[in-house]
Amino acid sequence: MPDVAEDLMDTPYDDDTPAADTLQRPADFDDFWLDTLNTLATIPFEIQVERSQSLGNGLQLDSLCFQSWAACPIRGYLLHQNSAKPRPLVVYTHGYNGQYDIARPWAERGLDVFGFDIRGFGRSKVGGSIHAEGWILTGIESARTSILRGAMCDYYRAVDVARRLLPQPPRTLFYGYSFGGALALMGAALRQDADCVAAGVPSLGWMAGRRQLVKAGSGKEVNDHLARHPRLIETVMNSLAYFDCANFADRVQAPCLIGVGLRDIVVPAATVRAISDRLRCAKVVREFPVSHSNLKQEQLWRNFETEWINLALNGQLAKM
């Protein structure tokens, strides 16, 4: 990992690089995702609650497993209140190379929480099938074989599993930060049943811009791979277009809260704006000085967490 503070000093504070000319949605984009979701629907859920425990104050933690794309087992948890009164539900997953944490503070604020690990990460590791030089490179030569296809199905199915276990929550918020934020937005676009969405610095936006702007993270893994195999540039970029979060943005209908880090070497601000500028739904975009850094200003993101929790609780976007 580069020295974060040093690299941020070299990063434009507010990169206004235009994204519109280089963003293209594949002609068969809708057919690809319709086929994907139809195939996913044929795969049994196989939900298994592997362990349940009381955390006190009426909170129950259920560790569970379910089946997703290509019959891959996905592990997660449901943290909920043992109460007759239903509570708002948040469905979330982690950032790139991460894994879920038990989000007890969210539950103590009044939310039921469904968290899970994407295939290839944390408790959902797939033995021996992940590319040695980066998760995102797994099957990258085709959208049909890309691990991103499975990851999107993992988020899509997680929502269904959560609602089977907690039917009819008064409100469901899709949440994620960075990689998880991209999946939350893409999931909202494909499902059309989120009540609200919160995405902090969503990644995977404007793939062509990522090629030029990133210095770390999954974007750098792609760049390094293409530097080693330049003959694959067109093939890989065509594949990634099916997972470009900006190509999903105009399909999202739920109110969205988006966070942007003005200095970020992993998810540059221009790549987030390529997403947020294309949202046609009600939205609030919050700017923060930095993201994906080790700087003290990262603490300001706590305000974003407070805001999205309030959005989940009351269903109303705060004013800009």
Protein backbone atom coordinates (compact mmCIF):
# COMPACT_ATOMS: atom_id res chain seq x y z
CA MET A 1 0.00 0.00 0.00
CA PRO A 2 1.45 3.43 -0.89
CA ASP A 3 2.05 5.99 1.82
CA VAL A 4 -1.49 7.31 2.05
CA ALA A 5 -0.75 10.76 3.42
CA GLU A 6 2.01 11.37 0.88
CA ASP A 7 -0.07 10.19 -2.06
CA LEU A 8 -3.02 12.31 -0.99
CA MET A 9 -0.84 15.41 -1.06
CA ASP A 10 -0.30 14.71 -4.78
CA THR A 11 -3.99 14.12 -5.46
CA PRO A 12 -6.12 17.02 -6.72
CA TYR A 13 -8.40 18.17 -3.92
CA ASP A 14 -11.40 18.07 -6.21
CA ASP A 15 -10.88 16.20 -9.47
CA ASP A 16 -13.44 17.45 -11.99
CA THR A 17 -12.30 15.17 -14.81
CA PRO A 18 -15.33 14.78 -17.12
CA ALA A 19 -16.71 11.26 -17.25
CA ALA A 20 -19.56 11.44 -19.76
CA ASP A 21 -17.62 10.81 -22.99
CA THR A 22 -16.03 7.55 -21.84
CA LEU A 23 -19.00 5.90 -20.14
CA GLN A 24 -20.78 3.32 -22.29
CA ARG A 25 -23.45 0.83 -21.27
CA PRO A 26 -23.13 -2.43 -23.24
CA ALA A 27 -25.91 -3.02 -25.76
CA ASP A 28 -26.90 -6.28 -24.08
CA PHE A 29 -26.56 -4.91 -20.53
CA ASP A 30 -30.22 -5.48 -19.63
CA ASP A 31 -30.31 -8.93 -21.22
CA PHE A 32 -27.16 -9.94 -19.36
CA TRP A 33 -28.60 -9.02 -15.99
CA LEU A 34 -32.03 -10.49 -16.76
CA ASP A 35 -30.38 -13.78 -17.66
CA THR A 36 -28.22 -13.60 -14.53
CA LEU A 37 -31.16 -13.03 -12.20
CA ASN A 38 -33.29 -15.68 -13.91
CA THR A 39 -30.49 -18.18 -13.38
CA LEU A 40 -30.04 -17.09 -9.76
CA ALA A 41 -33.75 -17.69 -9.16
CA THR A 42 -33.29 -21.38 -9.99
CA ILE A 43 -30.70 -21.89 -7.24
CA PRO A 44 -32.15 -23.07 -3.90
CA PHE A 45 -31.64 -20.75 -0.92
CA GLU A 46 -30.53 -23.49 1.50
CA ILE A 47 -30.73 -21.11 4.48
CA GLN A 48 -29.14 -22.56 7.60
CA VAL A 49 -29.01 -20.79 10.95
CA GLU A 50 -25.82 -22.28 12.37
CA ARG A 51 -25.79 -20.57 15.74
CA SER A 52 -28.03 -18.27 17.78
CA GLN A 53 -27.07 -16.32 20.87
CA SER A 54 -28.54 -13.62 23.07
CA LEU A 55 -26.53 -10.39 23.36
CA GLY A 56 -28.70 -8.89 26.07
CA ASN A 57 -31.18 -6.03 25.90
CA GLY A 58 -33.43 -8.21 23.75
CA LEU A 59 -30.89 -8.52 20.91
CA GLN A 60 -30.39 -11.88 19.22
CA LEU A 61 -27.46 -12.74 16.93
CA ASP A 62 -28.02 -15.50 14.37
CA SER A 63 -24.99 -16.74 12.42
CA LEU A 64 -26.14 -18.23 9.14
CA CYS A 65 -25.29 -19.56 5.72
CA PHE A 66 -27.18 -19.42 2.42
CA GLN A 67 -26.60 -20.41 -1.17
CA SER A 68 -25.96 -17.93 -3.98
CA TRP A 69 -24.75 -17.85 -7.59
CA ALA A 70 -23.13 -21.12 -8.75
CA ALA A 71 -24.30 -22.72 -5.48
CA CYS A 72 -21.62 -20.80 -3.57
CA PRO A 73 -22.16 -20.84 0.22
CA ILE A 74 -22.32 -17.32 1.67
CA ARG A 75 -21.98 -16.68 5.39
CA GLY A 76 -23.47 -13.82 7.30
CA TYR A 77 -25.51 -12.86 10.32
CA LEU A 78 -28.80 -11.39 11.40
CA LEU A 79 -28.78 -9.15 14.46
CA HIS A 80 -32.33 -8.40 15.50
CA GLN A 81 -34.58 -7.47 18.38
CA ASN A 82 -36.81 -10.10 19.92
CA SER A 83 -39.91 -7.96 19.79
CA ALA A 84 -43.39 -8.10 18.32
CA LYS A 85 -42.85 -4.65 16.81
CA PRO A 86 -40.91 -4.82 13.50
CA ARG A 87 -37.89 -2.55 13.09
CA PRO A 88 -36.23 -1.05 10.02
CA LEU A 89 -33.78 -3.41 8.32
CA VAL A 90 -30.32 -2.57 6.96
CA VAL A 91 -28.62 -4.99 4.56
CA TYR A 92 -24.91 -4.41 4.12
CA THR A 93 -21.61 -5.92 3.11
CA HIS A 94 -17.97 -4.97 3.56
CA GLY A 95 -15.31 -3.16 1.56
CA TYR A 96 -12.75 -4.71 -0.78
CA ASN A 97 -10.54 -7.32 0.92
CA GLY A 98 -12.66 -6.95 4.06
CA GLN A 99 -15.24 -8.94 5.97
CA TYR A 100 -18.31 -8.13 8.02
CA ASP A 101 -18.27 -6.87 11.59
CA ILE A 102 -21.09 -7.44 14.06
CA ALA A 103 -22.71 -3.99 13.90
CA ARG A 104 -24.16 -3.93 17.40
CA PRO A 105 -24.17 -0.09 17.63
CA TRP A 106 -26.59 0.03 14.68
CA ALA A 107 -28.88 -2.47 16.37
CA GLU A 108 -28.77 -0.47 19.58
CA ARG A 109 -29.94 2.55 17.59
CA GLY A 110 -33.09 0.68 16.57
CA LEU A 111 -32.18 -1.23 13.39
CA ASP A 112 -32.23 -4.91 12.55
CA VAL A 113 -29.00 -5.72 10.71
CA PHE A 114 -28.21 -8.32 8.06
CA GLY A 115 -24.51 -8.46 7.20
CA PHE A 116 -22.60 -10.95 5.08
CA ASP A 117 -19.25 -11.71 3.46
CA ILE A 118 -19.03 -11.64 -0.32
CA ARG A 119 -17.72 -14.82 -1.98
CA GLY A 120 -13.95 -15.04 -1.76
CA PHE A 121 -13.73 -12.87 1.36
CA GLY A 122 -13.81 -13.53 5.09
CA ARG A 123 -16.08 -16.40 6.07
CA SER A 124 -17.25 -16.90 2.46
CA LYS A 125 -13.85 -17.82 1.05
CA VAL A 126 -13.86 -20.04 -2.02
CA GLY A 127 -10.95 -22.43 -1.79
CA GLY A 128 -8.39 -22.23 -4.57
CA SER A 129 -10.50 -20.33 -7.11
CA ILE A 130 -9.46 -16.71 -6.44
CA HIS A 131 -6.86 -15.06 -8.70
CA ALA A 132 -3.52 -14.91 -6.92
CA GLU A 133 -2.90 -11.28 -7.93
CA GLY A 134 -6.25 -9.85 -6.87
CA TRP A 135 -9.83 -10.89 -6.18
CA ILE A 136 -11.24 -8.65 -8.91
CA LEU A 137 -9.09 -10.40 -11.53
CA THR A 138 -10.92 -13.70 -11.02
CA GLY A 139 -12.64 -14.52 -14.32
CA ILE A 140 -12.18 -10.92 -15.47
CA GLU A 141 -11.84 -11.76 -19.18
CA SER A 142 -15.63 -12.11 -19.53
CA ALA A 143 -18.63 -10.64 -17.74
CA ARG A 144 -20.11 -14.14 -17.64
CA THR A 145 -17.15 -15.56 -15.72
CA SER A 146 -16.25 -12.47 -13.65
CA ILE A 147 -16.41 -12.91 -9.89
CA LEU A 148 -18.20 -9.54 -9.82
CA ARG A 149 -21.22 -11.28 -11.33
CA GLY A 150 -21.33 -13.66 -8.39
CA ALA A 151 -20.73 -10.82 -5.91
CA MET A 152 -23.70 -8.88 -7.24
CA CYS A 153 -25.83 -12.02 -6.92
CA ASP A 154 -24.62 -12.40 -3.33
CA TYR A 155 -25.99 -8.96 -2.45
CA TYR A 156 -29.22 -9.56 -4.36
CA ARG A 157 -29.82 -12.86 -2.63
CA ALA A 158 -28.84 -11.51 0.80
CA VAL A 159 -31.79 -9.11 0.61
CA ASP A 160 -34.13 -12.00 -0.14
CA VAL A 161 -32.71 -14.07 2.72
CA ALA A 162 -33.03 -11.16 5.16
CA ARG A 163 -36.66 -10.65 4.21
CA ARG A 164 -37.44 -14.35 4.55
CA LEU A 165 -36.08 -14.27 8.08
CA LEU A 166 -37.64 -10.89 8.91
CA PRO A 167 -40.76 -10.53 6.77
CA GLN A 168 -42.29 -7.10 6.22
CA PRO A 169 -39.85 -4.73 7.92
CA PRO A 170 -41.28 -1.19 7.92
CA ARG A 171 -38.30 -0.03 5.86
CA THR A 172 -35.24 -1.59 4.20
CA LEU A 173 -32.03 0.36 3.61
CA PHE A 174 -29.24 -0.99 1.39
CA TYR A 175 -25.88 0.13 2.78
CA GLY A 176 -22.21 -0.23 1.95
CA TYR A 177 -18.93 1.64 1.98
CA SER A 178 -16.53 1.59 -0.98
CA PHE A 179 -16.92 -1.82 -2.68
CA GLY A 180 -19.95 -2.54 -0.50
CA GLY A 181 -21.44 0.82 -1.49
CA ALA A 182 -21.19 -0.07 -5.17
CA LEU A 183 -22.98 -3.36 -4.56
CA ALA A 184 -25.70 -1.61 -2.54
CA LEU A 185 -26.41 0.83 -5.39
CA MET A 186 -26.26 -1.85 -8.06
CA GLY A 187 -28.54 -4.05 -5.98
CA ALA A 188 -31.04 -1.22 -5.61
CA ALA A 189 -31.00 -0.69 -9.38
CA LEU A 190 -31.61 -4.36 -10.14
CA ARG A 191 -34.20 -5.04 -7.44
CA GLN A 192 -36.27 -1.84 -7.40
CA ASP A 193 -37.50 -2.60 -3.88
CA ALA A 194 -35.10 -0.75 -1.58
CA ASP A 195 -36.77 1.95 0.48
CA CYS A 196 -33.53 3.92 0.71
CA VAL A 197 -29.82 3.53 -0.08
CA ALA A 198 -26.67 4.81 1.60
CA ALA A 199 -23.30 4.43 -0.14
CA GLY A 200 -20.07 5.89 1.18
CA VAL A 201 -17.50 6.43 -1.60
CA PRO A 202 -19.03 3.72 -3.85
CA SER A 203 -16.36 2.14 -6.02
CA LEU A 204 -16.53 0.60 -9.52
CA GLY A 205 -17.76 3.86 -11.04
CA TRP A 206 -16.49 5.09 -14.42
CA MET A 207 -14.12 2.21 -15.16
CA ALA A 208 -12.20 4.18 -17.79
CA GLY A 209 -11.57 6.98 -15.30
CA ARG A 210 -10.46 4.52 -12.64
CA ARG A 211 -7.75 3.37 -15.04
CA GLN A 212 -6.26 6.86 -15.01
CA LEU A 213 -6.90 8.04 -11.46
CA VAL A 214 -6.46 5.21 -8.95
CA LYS A 215 -3.22 4.52 -7.10
CA ALA A 216 -4.32 1.66 -4.85
CA GLY A 217 -7.04 -0.93 -4.33
CA SER A 218 -8.89 -3.04 -6.87
CA GLY A 219 -8.39 -0.44 -9.60
CA LYS A 220 -4.62 -0.73 -9.26
CA GLU A 221 -4.89 -4.52 -9.38
CA VAL A 222 -6.66 -4.18 -12.73
CA ASN A 223 -4.09 -1.67 -13.98
CA ASP A 224 -1.18 -3.88 -12.97
CA HIS A 225 -2.80 -6.88 -14.64
CA LEU A 226 -3.32 -4.98 -17.89
CA ALA A 227 0.24 -3.66 -17.77
CA ARG A 228 1.40 -7.29 -17.70
CA HIS A 229 -1.10 -8.34 -20.39
CA PRO A 230 -1.75 -5.31 -22.65
CA ARG A 231 -3.44 -7.49 -25.29
CA LEU A 232 -6.31 -7.96 -22.82
CA ILE A 233 -7.13 -4.26 -22.36
CA GLU A 234 -10.14 -4.13 -24.67
CA THR A 235 -11.48 -7.50 -23.49
CA VAL A 236 -11.19 -6.64 -19.81
CA MET A 237 -12.65 -3.15 -20.13
CA ASN A 238 -15.60 -4.54 -22.08
CA SER A 239 -16.16 -7.07 -19.30
CA LEU A 240 -15.95 -4.46 -16.53
CA ALA A 241 -18.56 -2.28 -18.25
CA TYR A 242 -21.25 -4.71 -17.06
CA PHE A 243 -20.25 -3.93 -13.46
CA ASP A 244 -19.65 -0.19 -13.82
CA CYS A 245 -21.74 1.29 -11.02
CA ALA A 246 -22.36 4.42 -13.10
CA ASN A 247 -24.19 2.25 -15.64
CA PHE A 248 -26.70 1.31 -12.93
CA ALA A 249 -27.19 4.76 -11.42
CA ASP A 250 -30.09 6.00 -13.54
CA ARG A 251 -32.04 2.83 -12.68
CA VAL A 252 -32.05 3.48 -8.92
CA GLN A 253 -35.44 4.73 -7.71
CA ALA A 254 -34.98 4.78 -3.93
CA PRO A 255 -33.75 7.96 -2.19
CA CYS A 256 -29.96 7.88 -1.94
CA LEU A 257 -27.39 9.27 0.47
CA ILE A 258 -23.94 9.34 -1.16
CA GLY A 259 -20.59 10.17 0.46
CA VAL A 260 -17.60 11.49 -1.51
CA GLY A 261 -14.02 11.79 -0.30
CA LEU A 262 -12.44 14.73 -2.09
CA ARG A 263 -8.98 13.19 -1.73
CA ASP A 264 -8.91 9.46 -2.26
CA ILE A 265 -6.32 7.28 -4.03
CA VAL A 266 -8.57 4.20 -4.01
CA VAL A 267 -11.95 5.66 -5.06
CA PRO A 268 -11.21 9.09 -6.58
CA ALA A 269 -13.91 11.73 -6.26
CA ALA A 270 -14.50 11.92 -10.01
CA THR A 271 -15.42 8.23 -10.13
CA VAL A 272 -17.99 8.72 -7.36
CA ARG A 273 -19.44 11.77 -9.10
CA ALA A 274 -19.78 9.73 -12.28
CA ILE A 275 -22.27 7.69 -10.24
CA SER A 276 -24.00 10.40 -8.21
CA ASP A 277 -24.42 12.73 -11.20
CA ARG A 278 -26.36 10.01 -13.01
CA LEU A 279 -28.80 9.31 -10.18
CA ARG A 280 -32.31 10.44 -11.13
CA CYS A 281 -33.83 9.63 -7.74
CA ALA A 282 -33.98 11.92 -4.73
CA LYS A 283 -30.43 12.22 -3.43
CA VAL A 284 -28.13 13.96 -1.00
CA VAL A 285 -24.39 13.99 -1.69
CA ARG A 286 -22.09 14.71 1.25
CA GLU A 287 -18.47 15.73 0.72
CA PHE A 288 -15.64 14.86 3.10
CA PRO A 289 -12.01 16.00 2.92
CA VAL A 290 -10.56 12.48 2.63
CA SER A 291 -11.46 8.81 2.39
CA HIS A 292 -9.45 5.58 2.31
CA SER A 293 -6.67 7.27 4.29
CA ASN A 294 -5.06 7.14 7.70
CA LEU A 295 -5.64 10.85 8.34
CA LYS A 296 -7.54 12.24 11.34
CA GLN A 297 -10.13 13.80 9.04
CA GLU A 298 -11.50 10.30 8.47
CA GLN A 299 -13.35 10.79 11.77
CA LEU A 300 -15.73 13.13 9.96
CA TRP A 301 -17.26 10.07 8.31
CA ARG A 302 -18.98 9.35 11.63
CA ASN A 303 -21.40 12.11 10.64
CA PHE A 304 -22.24 10.13 7.50
CA GLU A 305 -22.99 7.04 9.58
CA THR A 306 -25.27 9.04 11.86
CA GLU A 307 -27.09 10.46 8.85
CA TRP A 308 -27.72 7.14 7.13
CA ILE A 309 -28.91 5.54 10.38
CA ASN A 310 -31.42 8.38 10.73
CA LEU A 311 -32.46 7.81 7.11
CA ALA A 312 -33.11 4.14 7.88
CA LEU A 313 -35.08 5.03 10.99
CA ASN A 314 -37.32 7.75 9.55
CA GLY A 315 -37.12 7.28 5.78
CA GLN A 316 -36.39 10.95 5.09
CA LEU A 317 -33.30 12.42 3.46
CA ALA A 318 -31.82 15.32 5.41
CA LYS A 319 -31.53 18.65 3.63
CA MET A 320 -28.35 19.54 1.76
